[in-house]
Every structure is written in C-alpha cells, then in structure tokens.
Amino acid sequence: MKLKTFVFNPIQVNCYLLWDETKEAILIDCGCLFAKEKMQLKQFIEVNGLTIKHYLNTHLHFDHIFGNPFIESTFGVKAKANDADWKWAENISERVARFGLNYTEKISYPEQVLHHGDRIKFGNQTVEVIAVPGHSPGSLAYYIPEQRMVFTGDALFRDSIGRTDFPDSNHQQLIDSIRKNLFTLPNETVVYPGHAEPTDIGYEKEYNCFVR
C-alpha cells in the first residue's frame, strides 16, 4: 500500500491519500482551500492513475472539510463521516469568518453516516471505523489492521491530544476514547494525526502525559 500526505490551508491539516496495486484509493480529510492546493491534489491523482473510491472525514471541523465540495465536483465522491458534528459543516461560513477567512461553498451532508465498527473496502484493503469522541462529538479514526496504520484526526497527536475547549468538546470523553479504542491497538500501529508528524501507539502509551 502507498501513502501520500498533503498539508493544506493555513491551519496545516494533513490530507491523506492511500492506494494499493488496484489503483483504487481513499482520501481522508481533504482540507484544500486554495486553487493551488486543489490543483496539486488533482494532478497527483491523475498522474498516478488513481480512482477515488471513498472520501472520509475524521470529523467536520472546518479546517478538515474545506475541500469537500472540490472532491465532490471533481471526482464525484461525497464524504462519509459521523453526523454528530454536522452543525460545524452546516454553518461553516460563519465559523470560518471568526478566523478571518472567507468561505462561501456549501458542504454536503455525509453520503454515508459512519459509526464505530463499520468497515470500508477499497482495492484489497479494509478500513475499520473507530469512534473517538471528545475533541468533537462525531470524531472518528480509521484503522487499517493489515497495514498497522490508524488515522486519528484531531483525537491523538504525538505527545498530545486534541483540543477540548470547544462548546461541544468533552475532555474526559476524549481521554476515555483514546484509552479504550486507540490504546488497545497493537503498539507498532503508526498514528497519522490530523496535524503535524506521525507517531505510534506504543510511544503514546508510554510517554503521552495527557492520557497516562
């Protein structure tokens, strides 16, 4: 399996593109906001002959979904996500304006509402959906067991965890989610977060002072 990481928009969101030998691919959290970012992603997909099978959002905070309309219009693929965060997407223009950004596009309601335990297939790969609420009510992680990879959005970072100072965040819920649903994964599982560099489950279990 191959992985390409793009870093998009002023908030530096990690957008992950994964594919295997079948050329079927998934995208996770396409935060591309500017035309240059959109073109970069589009060209990479076209040059490598990839077909976007699924588009997954870890959660619906605006920095992770800026590119949703672009993905839908360009590749004909709507997002899959949990809808507990829908008010963030529904009111995206208002929320973005508070950060001095202008965004006028409309975000579509998730094509498929995902829940803990769901499975998504692309190529010869299977993605398991893991609920990690706390940073947001609908936060999800995407785990590929055979590849020992998990994409955690803003739930778990290297030496840190997601923010819980939003009105609908819950600090203890996030801690419990990480302990129950992420720290039970194999230690060698590589963690690909929504921002910054990767880590692994074993390291975070031993050194992440926010969760120990």
N, C-alpha and C. Protein backbone atom coordinates (compact mmCIF):
# COMPACT_ATOMS: atom_id res chain seq x y z
N MET A 1 0.83 -1.19 0.00
CA MET A 1 0.00 0.00 0.00
C MET A 1 0.87 1.24 0.00
N LYS A 2 0.40 2.29 -0.67
CA LYS A 2 1.13 3.54 -0.73
C LYS A 2 0.35 4.65 -0.05
N LEU A 3 1.10 5.61 0.50
CA LEU A 3 0.51 6.73 1.23
C LEU A 3 1.18 8.02 0.79
N LYS A 4 0.36 9.02 0.50
CA LYS A 4 0.86 10.36 0.20
C LYS A 4 0.17 11.34 1.14
N THR A 5 0.97 12.17 1.80
CA THR A 5 0.44 13.16 2.72
C THR A 5 0.57 14.56 2.10
N PHE A 6 -0.54 15.28 2.09
CA PHE A 6 -0.56 16.68 1.68
C PHE A 6 -0.87 17.52 2.93
N VAL A 7 -0.30 18.71 2.98
CA VAL A 7 -0.61 19.63 4.09
C VAL A 7 -1.28 20.86 3.48
N PHE A 8 -2.53 21.10 3.88
CA PHE A 8 -3.34 22.11 3.23
C PHE A 8 -3.86 23.16 4.21
N ASN A 9 -4.11 24.33 3.66
CA ASN A 9 -4.76 25.50 4.26
C ASN A 9 -3.94 26.11 5.40
N PRO A 10 -4.27 27.31 5.84
CA PRO A 10 -3.46 27.99 6.86
C PRO A 10 -3.36 27.26 8.19
N ILE A 11 -4.27 26.33 8.44
CA ILE A 11 -4.25 25.60 9.71
C ILE A 11 -3.46 24.30 9.58
N GLN A 12 -2.89 24.07 8.41
CA GLN A 12 -1.94 22.98 8.20
C GLN A 12 -2.53 21.61 8.52
N VAL A 13 -3.61 21.30 7.85
CA VAL A 13 -4.27 20.00 8.02
C VAL A 13 -3.60 18.95 7.15
N ASN A 14 -3.38 17.78 7.70
CA ASN A 14 -2.87 16.64 6.94
C ASN A 14 -4.01 16.00 6.15
N CYS A 15 -3.83 15.95 4.85
CA CYS A 15 -4.75 15.23 3.97
C CYS A 15 -4.03 13.97 3.51
N TYR A 16 -4.66 12.81 3.70
CA TYR A 16 -4.02 11.54 3.39
C TYR A 16 -4.69 10.88 2.18
N LEU A 17 -3.85 10.45 1.26
CA LEU A 17 -4.28 9.70 0.08
C LEU A 17 -3.62 8.33 0.13
N LEU A 18 -4.43 7.28 0.10
CA LEU A 18 -3.92 5.91 0.19
C LEU A 18 -4.43 5.10 -0.99
N TRP A 19 -3.57 4.24 -1.53
CA TRP A 19 -3.98 3.36 -2.62
C TRP A 19 -3.11 2.11 -2.63
N ASP A 20 -3.59 1.08 -3.34
CA ASP A 20 -2.81 -0.15 -3.47
C ASP A 20 -2.64 -0.50 -4.93
N GLU A 21 -2.26 -1.73 -5.19
CA GLU A 21 -1.92 -2.12 -6.55
C GLU A 21 -3.10 -2.08 -7.51
N THR A 22 -4.32 -2.03 -6.99
CA THR A 22 -5.50 -1.95 -7.85
C THR A 22 -5.74 -0.54 -8.37
N LYS A 23 -5.05 0.42 -7.80
CA LYS A 23 -5.21 1.85 -8.13
C LYS A 23 -6.48 2.45 -7.54
N GLU A 24 -7.24 1.65 -6.78
CA GLU A 24 -8.34 2.24 -6.02
C GLU A 24 -7.77 2.95 -4.81
N ALA A 25 -8.36 4.10 -4.47
CA ALA A 25 -7.79 4.95 -3.43
C ALA A 25 -8.86 5.49 -2.51
N ILE A 26 -8.41 5.92 -1.33
CA ILE A 26 -9.27 6.70 -0.43
C ILE A 26 -8.56 7.99 -0.07
N LEU A 27 -9.35 9.00 0.20
CA LEU A 27 -8.86 10.28 0.72
C LEU A 27 -9.40 10.47 2.12
N ILE A 28 -8.57 11.02 3.00
CA ILE A 28 -9.00 11.33 4.36
C ILE A 28 -8.73 12.80 4.64
N ASP A 29 -9.79 13.54 4.98
CA ASP A 29 -9.69 14.95 5.40
C ASP A 29 -9.00 15.84 4.38
N CYS A 30 -9.69 16.10 3.31
CA CYS A 30 -9.14 16.97 2.27
C CYS A 30 -9.42 18.44 2.63
N GLY A 31 -8.45 19.08 3.25
CA GLY A 31 -8.61 20.46 3.69
C GLY A 31 -8.15 21.49 2.68
N CYS A 32 -8.05 21.12 1.40
CA CYS A 32 -7.52 22.08 0.43
C CYS A 32 -8.48 23.26 0.27
N LEU A 33 -7.93 24.46 0.44
CA LEU A 33 -8.72 25.68 0.41
C LEU A 33 -8.43 26.52 -0.82
N PHE A 34 -7.18 26.56 -1.25
CA PHE A 34 -6.76 27.43 -2.34
C PHE A 34 -6.65 26.67 -3.65
N ALA A 35 -6.77 27.40 -4.76
CA ALA A 35 -6.73 26.78 -6.09
C ALA A 35 -5.45 25.99 -6.31
N LYS A 36 -4.33 26.50 -5.83
CA LYS A 36 -3.05 25.81 -6.00
C LYS A 36 -3.06 24.47 -5.28
N GLU A 37 -3.66 24.42 -4.11
CA GLU A 37 -3.74 23.17 -3.36
C GLU A 37 -4.62 22.15 -4.08
N LYS A 38 -5.74 22.62 -4.59
CA LYS A 38 -6.65 21.73 -5.31
C LYS A 38 -5.98 21.16 -6.55
N MET A 39 -5.26 22.00 -7.28
CA MET A 39 -4.58 21.53 -8.48
C MET A 39 -3.48 20.53 -8.14
N GLN A 40 -2.77 20.76 -7.04
CA GLN A 40 -1.72 19.84 -6.62
C GLN A 40 -2.30 18.44 -6.37
N LEU A 41 -3.42 18.39 -5.67
CA LEU A 41 -4.06 17.11 -5.38
C LEU A 41 -4.58 16.45 -6.66
N LYS A 42 -5.28 17.21 -7.46
CA LYS A 42 -5.87 16.69 -8.69
C LYS A 42 -4.80 16.12 -9.62
N GLN A 43 -3.73 16.86 -9.80
CA GLN A 43 -2.66 16.40 -10.69
C GLN A 43 -2.00 15.13 -10.20
N PHE A 44 -1.79 15.04 -8.89
CA PHE A 44 -1.17 13.83 -8.34
C PHE A 44 -2.05 12.62 -8.58
N ILE A 45 -3.34 12.76 -8.36
CA ILE A 45 -4.27 11.65 -8.57
C ILE A 45 -4.31 11.24 -10.04
N GLU A 46 -4.33 12.22 -10.92
CA GLU A 46 -4.39 11.92 -12.36
C GLU A 46 -3.10 11.29 -12.86
N VAL A 47 -1.96 11.84 -12.46
CA VAL A 47 -0.67 11.33 -12.92
C VAL A 47 -0.48 9.87 -12.49
N ASN A 48 -0.98 9.52 -11.31
CA ASN A 48 -0.80 8.17 -10.79
C ASN A 48 -1.95 7.23 -11.18
N GLY A 49 -2.89 7.73 -11.96
CA GLY A 49 -3.96 6.89 -12.47
C GLY A 49 -4.87 6.32 -11.41
N LEU A 50 -5.14 7.10 -10.36
CA LEU A 50 -5.91 6.60 -9.23
C LEU A 50 -7.40 6.87 -9.39
N THR A 51 -8.19 6.00 -8.81
CA THR A 51 -9.64 6.18 -8.74
C THR A 51 -10.03 6.35 -7.28
N ILE A 52 -10.65 7.48 -6.95
CA ILE A 52 -11.06 7.73 -5.57
C ILE A 52 -12.33 6.93 -5.28
N LYS A 53 -12.18 5.92 -4.45
CA LYS A 53 -13.30 5.04 -4.12
C LYS A 53 -14.14 5.61 -2.97
N HIS A 54 -13.46 6.16 -1.97
CA HIS A 54 -14.16 6.72 -0.81
C HIS A 54 -13.44 7.98 -0.36
N TYR A 55 -14.24 8.91 0.17
CA TYR A 55 -13.68 10.10 0.81
C TYR A 55 -14.19 10.13 2.25
N LEU A 56 -13.25 10.14 3.20
CA LEU A 56 -13.59 10.01 4.62
C LEU A 56 -13.19 11.26 5.39
N ASN A 57 -14.09 11.74 6.24
CA ASN A 57 -13.77 12.81 7.18
C ASN A 57 -13.65 12.23 8.59
N THR A 58 -12.57 12.59 9.28
CA THR A 58 -12.44 12.16 10.68
C THR A 58 -13.42 12.91 11.56
N HIS A 59 -13.68 14.17 11.23
CA HIS A 59 -14.69 14.98 11.90
C HIS A 59 -14.99 16.17 10.99
N LEU A 60 -15.93 17.01 11.39
CA LEU A 60 -16.43 18.03 10.47
C LEU A 60 -16.05 19.45 10.88
N HIS A 61 -14.96 19.62 11.61
CA HIS A 61 -14.44 20.97 11.84
C HIS A 61 -13.95 21.53 10.51
N PHE A 62 -14.12 22.84 10.35
CA PHE A 62 -13.98 23.43 9.01
C PHE A 62 -12.63 23.21 8.36
N ASP A 63 -11.55 23.18 9.14
CA ASP A 63 -10.24 23.05 8.51
C ASP A 63 -10.04 21.69 7.85
N HIS A 64 -10.83 20.71 8.24
CA HIS A 64 -10.72 19.36 7.68
C HIS A 64 -11.66 19.13 6.50
N ILE A 65 -12.58 20.05 6.25
CA ILE A 65 -13.60 19.82 5.22
C ILE A 65 -13.62 20.90 4.15
N PHE A 66 -12.67 21.82 4.16
CA PHE A 66 -12.64 22.86 3.13
C PHE A 66 -12.73 22.27 1.73
N GLY A 67 -12.10 21.13 1.50
CA GLY A 67 -12.03 20.56 0.16
C GLY A 67 -13.20 19.66 -0.21
N ASN A 68 -14.17 19.48 0.69
CA ASN A 68 -15.28 18.57 0.39
C ASN A 68 -16.01 18.90 -0.91
N PRO A 69 -16.39 20.16 -1.14
CA PRO A 69 -17.07 20.47 -2.41
C PRO A 69 -16.19 20.19 -3.63
N PHE A 70 -14.90 20.44 -3.51
CA PHE A 70 -13.97 20.18 -4.61
C PHE A 70 -13.89 18.69 -4.93
N ILE A 71 -13.80 17.87 -3.90
CA ILE A 71 -13.72 16.42 -4.11
C ILE A 71 -15.01 15.92 -4.76
N GLU A 72 -16.13 16.43 -4.29
CA GLU A 72 -17.42 16.01 -4.84
C GLU A 72 -17.56 16.39 -6.31
N SER A 73 -17.22 17.63 -6.65
CA SER A 73 -17.40 18.10 -8.02
C SER A 73 -16.35 17.54 -8.98
N THR A 74 -15.16 17.28 -8.49
CA THR A 74 -14.06 16.83 -9.35
C THR A 74 -14.04 15.32 -9.54
N PHE A 75 -14.30 14.59 -8.47
CA PHE A 75 -14.18 13.12 -8.53
C PHE A 75 -15.52 12.40 -8.35
N GLY A 76 -16.59 13.15 -8.10
CA GLY A 76 -17.91 12.55 -7.97
C GLY A 76 -18.07 11.71 -6.72
N VAL A 77 -17.32 12.04 -5.69
CA VAL A 77 -17.35 11.27 -4.44
C VAL A 77 -17.73 12.19 -3.29
N LYS A 78 -18.80 11.86 -2.59
CA LYS A 78 -19.21 12.62 -1.42
C LYS A 78 -18.57 12.04 -0.16
N ALA A 79 -18.50 12.86 0.86
CA ALA A 79 -17.83 12.47 2.10
C ALA A 79 -18.66 11.46 2.89
N LYS A 80 -17.94 10.62 3.60
CA LYS A 80 -18.53 9.75 4.61
C LYS A 80 -17.98 10.22 5.96
N ALA A 81 -18.85 10.31 6.96
CA ALA A 81 -18.46 10.83 8.28
C ALA A 81 -19.56 10.51 9.27
N ASN A 82 -19.30 10.80 10.53
CA ASN A 82 -20.36 10.78 11.52
C ASN A 82 -21.04 12.16 11.52
N ASP A 83 -22.35 12.19 11.65
CA ASP A 83 -23.07 13.46 11.51
C ASP A 83 -23.29 14.20 12.82
N ALA A 84 -22.69 13.72 13.91
CA ALA A 84 -22.85 14.44 15.18
C ALA A 84 -22.19 15.81 15.14
N ASP A 85 -21.29 16.02 14.17
CA ASP A 85 -20.62 17.32 14.02
C ASP A 85 -21.27 18.18 12.93
N TRP A 86 -22.43 17.79 12.45
CA TRP A 86 -22.99 18.42 11.26
C TRP A 86 -23.14 19.94 11.40
N LYS A 87 -23.44 20.44 12.58
CA LYS A 87 -23.65 21.89 12.72
C LYS A 87 -22.39 22.68 12.37
N TRP A 88 -21.20 22.07 12.54
CA TRP A 88 -19.95 22.73 12.15
C TRP A 88 -19.89 22.90 10.64
N ALA A 89 -20.32 21.89 9.92
CA ALA A 89 -20.30 21.96 8.45
C ALA A 89 -21.44 22.81 7.92
N GLU A 90 -22.58 22.70 8.54
CA GLU A 90 -23.76 23.43 8.08
C GLU A 90 -23.56 24.94 8.18
N ASN A 91 -22.83 25.37 9.20
CA ASN A 91 -22.60 26.81 9.44
C ASN A 91 -21.15 27.19 9.18
N ILE A 92 -20.54 26.57 8.21
CA ILE A 92 -19.10 26.73 8.00
C ILE A 92 -18.70 28.18 7.70
N SER A 93 -19.47 28.90 6.90
CA SER A 93 -19.10 30.28 6.54
C SER A 93 -19.01 31.17 7.77
N GLU A 94 -19.97 31.01 8.66
CA GLU A 94 -19.99 31.81 9.89
C GLU A 94 -18.81 31.45 10.79
N ARG A 95 -18.51 30.19 10.91
CA ARG A 95 -17.42 29.75 11.78
C ARG A 95 -16.06 30.17 11.23
N VAL A 96 -15.90 30.07 9.91
CA VAL A 96 -14.64 30.44 9.28
C VAL A 96 -14.38 31.94 9.39
N ALA A 97 -15.43 32.74 9.30
CA ALA A 97 -15.29 34.20 9.36
C ALA A 97 -14.66 34.64 10.67
N ARG A 98 -14.87 33.90 11.74
CA ARG A 98 -14.29 34.24 13.04
C ARG A 98 -12.77 34.13 13.02
N PHE A 99 -12.25 33.41 12.05
CA PHE A 99 -10.81 33.25 11.93
C PHE A 99 -10.24 34.10 10.80
N GLY A 100 -11.04 35.03 10.31
CA GLY A 100 -10.58 35.95 9.29
C GLY A 100 -10.50 35.36 7.90
N LEU A 101 -11.19 34.24 7.67
CA LEU A 101 -11.19 33.59 6.36
C LEU A 101 -12.56 33.74 5.71
N ASN A 102 -12.56 33.71 4.39
CA ASN A 102 -13.81 33.80 3.63
C ASN A 102 -14.07 32.47 2.93
N TYR A 103 -15.22 31.90 3.17
CA TYR A 103 -15.56 30.61 2.57
C TYR A 103 -17.05 30.63 2.25
N THR A 104 -17.39 30.46 0.98
CA THR A 104 -18.79 30.59 0.56
C THR A 104 -19.37 29.30 0.01
N GLU A 105 -18.59 28.25 -0.08
CA GLU A 105 -19.09 27.00 -0.64
C GLU A 105 -19.98 26.25 0.35
N LYS A 106 -20.85 25.43 -0.18
CA LYS A 106 -21.79 24.67 0.64
C LYS A 106 -21.27 23.25 0.83
N ILE A 107 -21.29 22.79 2.06
CA ILE A 107 -20.86 21.43 2.38
C ILE A 107 -22.06 20.49 2.31
N SER A 108 -21.92 19.40 1.60
CA SER A 108 -22.99 18.41 1.51
C SER A 108 -23.06 17.56 2.77
N TYR A 109 -24.27 17.18 3.13
CA TYR A 109 -24.46 16.24 4.23
C TYR A 109 -23.77 14.93 3.87
N PRO A 110 -23.19 14.23 4.85
CA PRO A 110 -22.46 12.99 4.54
C PRO A 110 -23.29 12.01 3.72
N GLU A 111 -22.65 11.47 2.70
CA GLU A 111 -23.30 10.47 1.86
C GLU A 111 -23.63 9.22 2.67
N GLN A 112 -22.74 8.88 3.58
CA GLN A 112 -22.96 7.75 4.48
C GLN A 112 -22.54 8.16 5.88
N VAL A 113 -23.43 7.96 6.85
CA VAL A 113 -23.11 8.26 8.24
C VAL A 113 -22.42 7.05 8.84
N LEU A 114 -21.19 7.25 9.28
CA LEU A 114 -20.36 6.15 9.79
C LEU A 114 -20.45 6.05 11.30
N HIS A 115 -20.32 4.82 11.78
CA HIS A 115 -20.36 4.55 13.22
C HIS A 115 -19.25 3.56 13.58
N HIS A 116 -18.96 3.50 14.86
CA HIS A 116 -17.95 2.58 15.36
C HIS A 116 -18.26 1.16 14.91
N GLY A 117 -17.25 0.49 14.34
CA GLY A 117 -17.41 -0.88 13.90
C GLY A 117 -17.72 -1.04 12.43
N ASP A 118 -18.06 0.06 11.75
CA ASP A 118 -18.28 -0.02 10.31
C ASP A 118 -16.98 -0.38 9.59
N ARG A 119 -17.11 -0.95 8.41
CA ARG A 119 -15.94 -1.30 7.60
C ARG A 119 -16.10 -0.74 6.19
N ILE A 120 -15.01 -0.26 5.64
CA ILE A 120 -14.99 0.33 4.32
C ILE A 120 -13.92 -0.38 3.51
N LYS A 121 -14.25 -0.77 2.30
CA LYS A 121 -13.30 -1.50 1.47
C LYS A 121 -12.89 -0.67 0.26
N PHE A 122 -11.60 -0.74 -0.06
CA PHE A 122 -11.10 -0.18 -1.31
C PHE A 122 -9.94 -1.05 -1.76
N GLY A 123 -9.88 -1.34 -3.06
CA GLY A 123 -8.85 -2.24 -3.54
C GLY A 123 -8.88 -3.54 -2.75
N ASN A 124 -7.72 -3.96 -2.24
CA ASN A 124 -7.63 -5.16 -1.42
C ASN A 124 -7.53 -4.83 0.06
N GLN A 125 -7.95 -3.64 0.43
CA GLN A 125 -7.80 -3.15 1.81
C GLN A 125 -9.15 -3.03 2.50
N THR A 126 -9.13 -3.17 3.82
CA THR A 126 -10.32 -2.95 4.65
C THR A 126 -9.99 -1.93 5.73
N VAL A 127 -10.83 -0.91 5.83
CA VAL A 127 -10.67 0.14 6.83
C VAL A 127 -11.72 -0.06 7.91
N GLU A 128 -11.30 -0.07 9.15
CA GLU A 128 -12.23 -0.19 10.28
C GLU A 128 -12.46 1.19 10.89
N VAL A 129 -13.72 1.49 11.15
CA VAL A 129 -14.11 2.78 11.72
C VAL A 129 -14.09 2.67 13.25
N ILE A 130 -13.40 3.61 13.89
CA ILE A 130 -13.28 3.63 15.36
C ILE A 130 -13.81 4.96 15.87
N ALA A 131 -14.73 4.92 16.80
CA ALA A 131 -15.26 6.15 17.41
C ALA A 131 -14.28 6.68 18.44
N VAL A 132 -13.94 7.97 18.33
CA VAL A 132 -13.06 8.62 19.31
C VAL A 132 -13.63 9.99 19.68
N PRO A 133 -14.86 10.05 20.19
CA PRO A 133 -15.46 11.34 20.54
C PRO A 133 -14.72 12.03 21.67
N GLY A 134 -14.86 13.33 21.71
CA GLY A 134 -14.23 14.13 22.76
C GLY A 134 -13.75 15.45 22.22
N HIS A 135 -12.88 15.41 21.22
CA HIS A 135 -12.50 16.63 20.52
C HIS A 135 -13.73 17.22 19.86
N SER A 136 -14.51 16.37 19.26
CA SER A 136 -15.84 16.70 18.75
C SER A 136 -16.72 15.49 19.00
N PRO A 137 -18.05 15.67 19.03
CA PRO A 137 -18.93 14.54 19.33
C PRO A 137 -18.84 13.42 18.29
N GLY A 138 -18.55 13.78 17.04
CA GLY A 138 -18.56 12.78 15.97
C GLY A 138 -17.19 12.33 15.50
N SER A 139 -16.16 12.59 16.26
CA SER A 139 -14.80 12.24 15.82
C SER A 139 -14.64 10.74 15.60
N LEU A 140 -14.02 10.41 14.46
CA LEU A 140 -13.73 9.03 14.10
C LEU A 140 -12.25 8.85 13.79
N ALA A 141 -11.78 7.64 13.97
CA ALA A 141 -10.45 7.26 13.50
C ALA A 141 -10.63 6.13 12.49
N TYR A 142 -9.67 6.00 11.58
CA TYR A 142 -9.74 4.98 10.53
C TYR A 142 -8.52 4.08 10.64
N TYR A 143 -8.78 2.81 10.88
CA TYR A 143 -7.73 1.84 11.19
C TYR A 143 -7.65 0.79 10.07
N ILE A 144 -6.44 0.55 9.58
CA ILE A 144 -6.20 -0.48 8.58
C ILE A 144 -5.33 -1.54 9.23
N PRO A 145 -5.93 -2.60 9.76
CA PRO A 145 -5.19 -3.58 10.56
C PRO A 145 -4.00 -4.20 9.85
N GLU A 146 -4.18 -4.62 8.60
CA GLU A 146 -3.10 -5.31 7.90
C GLU A 146 -1.89 -4.40 7.66
N GLN A 147 -2.14 -3.11 7.62
CA GLN A 147 -1.05 -2.15 7.37
C GLN A 147 -0.53 -1.54 8.67
N ARG A 148 -1.18 -1.84 9.80
CA ARG A 148 -0.80 -1.26 11.10
C ARG A 148 -0.76 0.27 11.01
N MET A 149 -1.87 0.84 10.52
CA MET A 149 -1.99 2.28 10.36
C MET A 149 -3.32 2.73 10.95
N VAL A 150 -3.32 3.87 11.65
CA VAL A 150 -4.56 4.46 12.12
C VAL A 150 -4.51 5.97 11.90
N PHE A 151 -5.60 6.50 11.38
CA PHE A 151 -5.70 7.93 11.07
C PHE A 151 -6.65 8.54 12.09
N THR A 152 -6.09 9.36 12.98
CA THR A 152 -6.81 9.74 14.20
C THR A 152 -7.43 11.12 14.17
N GLY A 153 -7.32 11.85 13.06
CA GLY A 153 -7.88 13.19 13.05
C GLY A 153 -7.27 14.03 14.16
N ASP A 154 -8.11 14.73 14.91
CA ASP A 154 -7.61 15.58 15.99
C ASP A 154 -7.81 14.96 17.37
N ALA A 155 -7.91 13.63 17.41
CA ALA A 155 -8.05 12.96 18.71
C ALA A 155 -6.70 12.78 19.39
N LEU A 156 -5.73 12.23 18.66
CA LEU A 156 -4.44 11.89 19.25
C LEU A 156 -3.30 12.40 18.38
N PHE A 157 -2.35 13.07 19.02
CA PHE A 157 -1.15 13.58 18.36
C PHE A 157 0.08 13.04 19.09
N ARG A 158 1.24 13.28 18.52
CA ARG A 158 2.48 12.93 19.21
C ARG A 158 2.61 13.79 20.47
N ASP A 159 2.66 13.14 21.62
CA ASP A 159 2.82 13.82 22.91
C ASP A 159 1.66 14.75 23.24
N SER A 160 0.52 14.57 22.60
CA SER A 160 -0.59 15.48 22.87
C SER A 160 -1.92 14.83 22.48
N ILE A 161 -2.99 15.57 22.75
CA ILE A 161 -4.33 15.15 22.35
C ILE A 161 -5.04 16.36 21.75
N GLY A 162 -6.23 16.13 21.23
CA GLY A 162 -6.98 17.21 20.60
C GLY A 162 -7.51 18.23 21.60
N ARG A 163 -7.80 19.41 21.08
CA ARG A 163 -8.38 20.47 21.91
C ARG A 163 -9.76 20.05 22.42
N THR A 164 -10.04 20.46 23.66
CA THR A 164 -11.36 20.18 24.22
C THR A 164 -11.97 21.44 24.84
N ASP A 165 -11.62 22.60 24.25
CA ASP A 165 -12.16 23.86 24.76
C ASP A 165 -13.30 24.39 23.89
N PHE A 166 -13.79 23.58 22.97
CA PHE A 166 -14.96 23.97 22.19
C PHE A 166 -16.23 23.66 23.00
N PRO A 167 -17.34 24.35 22.71
CA PRO A 167 -18.57 24.13 23.49
C PRO A 167 -19.07 22.69 23.50
N ASP A 168 -18.85 21.95 22.39
CA ASP A 168 -19.34 20.58 22.33
C ASP A 168 -18.24 19.55 22.53
N SER A 169 -17.07 19.98 23.00
CA SER A 169 -16.00 19.05 23.32
C SER A 169 -16.16 18.51 24.73
N ASN A 170 -15.47 17.40 25.00
CA ASN A 170 -15.54 16.80 26.32
C ASN A 170 -14.19 16.15 26.63
N HIS A 171 -13.45 16.75 27.56
CA HIS A 171 -12.08 16.32 27.82
C HIS A 171 -12.03 14.87 28.32
N GLN A 172 -12.84 14.55 29.32
CA GLN A 172 -12.78 13.19 29.87
C GLN A 172 -13.23 12.16 28.84
N GLN A 173 -14.19 12.53 28.03
CA GLN A 173 -14.64 11.61 26.98
C GLN A 173 -13.52 11.32 25.99
N LEU A 174 -12.74 12.33 25.66
CA LEU A 174 -11.62 12.11 24.73
C LEU A 174 -10.58 11.19 25.35
N ILE A 175 -10.24 11.43 26.61
CA ILE A 175 -9.28 10.55 27.29
C ILE A 175 -9.78 9.11 27.30
N ASP A 176 -11.05 8.94 27.63
CA ASP A 176 -11.62 7.59 27.68
C ASP A 176 -11.61 6.94 26.29
N SER A 177 -11.92 7.73 25.26
CA SER A 177 -11.93 7.21 23.89
C SER A 177 -10.55 6.70 23.48
N ILE A 178 -9.54 7.50 23.79
CA ILE A 178 -8.17 7.12 23.43
C ILE A 178 -7.76 5.84 24.16
N ARG A 179 -8.01 5.80 25.45
CA ARG A 179 -7.62 4.62 26.23
C ARG A 179 -8.34 3.37 25.77
N LYS A 180 -9.64 3.49 25.51
CA LYS A 180 -10.46 2.32 25.19
C LYS A 180 -10.31 1.88 23.73
N ASN A 181 -10.25 2.84 22.81
CA ASN A 181 -10.37 2.49 21.39
C ASN A 181 -9.09 2.66 20.58
N LEU A 182 -8.11 3.41 21.10
CA LEU A 182 -6.85 3.57 20.39
C LEU A 182 -5.70 2.84 21.08
N PHE A 183 -5.61 2.97 22.40
CA PHE A 183 -4.51 2.34 23.11
C PHE A 183 -4.64 0.83 23.21
N THR A 184 -5.74 0.29 22.72
CA THR A 184 -5.91 -1.16 22.65
C THR A 184 -5.43 -1.72 21.30
N LEU A 185 -5.02 -0.83 20.39
CA LEU A 185 -4.44 -1.28 19.13
C LEU A 185 -3.01 -1.75 19.36
N PRO A 186 -2.44 -2.56 18.46
CA PRO A 186 -1.05 -3.02 18.64
C PRO A 186 -0.08 -1.86 18.78
N ASN A 187 0.93 -2.02 19.60
CA ASN A 187 1.89 -0.95 19.88
C ASN A 187 2.57 -0.43 18.62
N GLU A 188 2.78 -1.30 17.64
CA GLU A 188 3.50 -0.89 16.43
C GLU A 188 2.63 -0.13 15.45
N THR A 189 1.35 0.05 15.76
CA THR A 189 0.45 0.79 14.87
C THR A 189 0.91 2.23 14.72
N VAL A 190 1.12 2.66 13.49
CA VAL A 190 1.54 4.05 13.24
C VAL A 190 0.32 4.95 13.28
N VAL A 191 0.43 6.04 14.00
CA VAL A 191 -0.64 7.02 14.15
C VAL A 191 -0.39 8.18 13.19
N TYR A 192 -1.35 8.41 12.31
CA TYR A 192 -1.28 9.54 11.39
C TYR A 192 -2.34 10.57 11.83
N PRO A 193 -1.90 11.65 12.47
CA PRO A 193 -2.85 12.61 13.04
C PRO A 193 -3.31 13.66 12.03
N GLY A 194 -4.26 14.46 12.45
CA GLY A 194 -4.80 15.49 11.58
C GLY A 194 -3.86 16.65 11.35
N HIS A 195 -2.87 16.81 12.20
CA HIS A 195 -1.87 17.86 12.07
C HIS A 195 -0.52 17.30 12.54
N ALA A 196 0.55 17.85 11.99
CA ALA A 196 1.92 17.53 12.44
C ALA A 196 2.31 16.10 12.09
N GLU A 197 3.38 15.62 12.75
CA GLU A 197 4.05 14.41 12.31
C GLU A 197 3.41 13.14 12.90
N PRO A 198 3.67 11.98 12.27
CA PRO A 198 3.14 10.71 12.79
C PRO A 198 3.80 10.31 14.11
N THR A 199 3.20 9.35 14.75
CA THR A 199 3.75 8.76 15.96
C THR A 199 3.34 7.28 15.94
N ASP A 200 3.37 6.61 17.08
CA ASP A 200 2.85 5.24 17.12
C ASP A 200 2.19 4.98 18.46
N ILE A 201 1.37 3.98 18.50
CA ILE A 201 0.58 3.70 19.70
C ILE A 201 1.47 3.38 20.89
N GLY A 202 2.50 2.56 20.68
CA GLY A 202 3.39 2.20 21.79
C GLY A 202 4.03 3.41 22.43
N TYR A 203 4.51 4.34 21.62
CA TYR A 203 5.15 5.55 22.14
C TYR A 203 4.15 6.36 22.95
N GLU A 204 2.95 6.55 22.42
CA GLU A 204 1.98 7.39 23.12
C GLU A 204 1.51 6.75 24.43
N LYS A 205 1.39 5.44 24.45
CA LYS A 205 1.00 4.76 25.68
C LYS A 205 2.04 4.98 26.78
N GLU A 206 3.31 5.09 26.39
CA GLU A 206 4.36 5.22 27.39
C GLU A 206 4.65 6.67 27.75
N TYR A 207 4.56 7.58 26.78
CA TYR A 207 5.07 8.92 27.00
C TYR A 207 4.03 10.05 26.95
N ASN A 208 2.84 9.78 26.47
CA ASN A 208 1.85 10.86 26.36
C ASN A 208 1.26 11.15 27.73
N CYS A 209 1.70 12.25 28.32
CA CYS A 209 1.32 12.56 29.70
C CYS A 209 -0.14 13.00 29.81
N PHE A 210 -0.78 13.31 28.70
CA PHE A 210 -2.18 13.71 28.73
C PHE A 210 -3.11 12.54 28.92
N VAL A 211 -2.63 11.34 28.62
CA VAL A 211 -3.50 10.17 28.64
C VAL A 211 -3.11 9.15 29.70
N ARG A 212 -1.85 9.13 30.11
CA ARG A 212 -1.40 8.12 31.07
C ARG A 212 -2.11 8.26 32.41
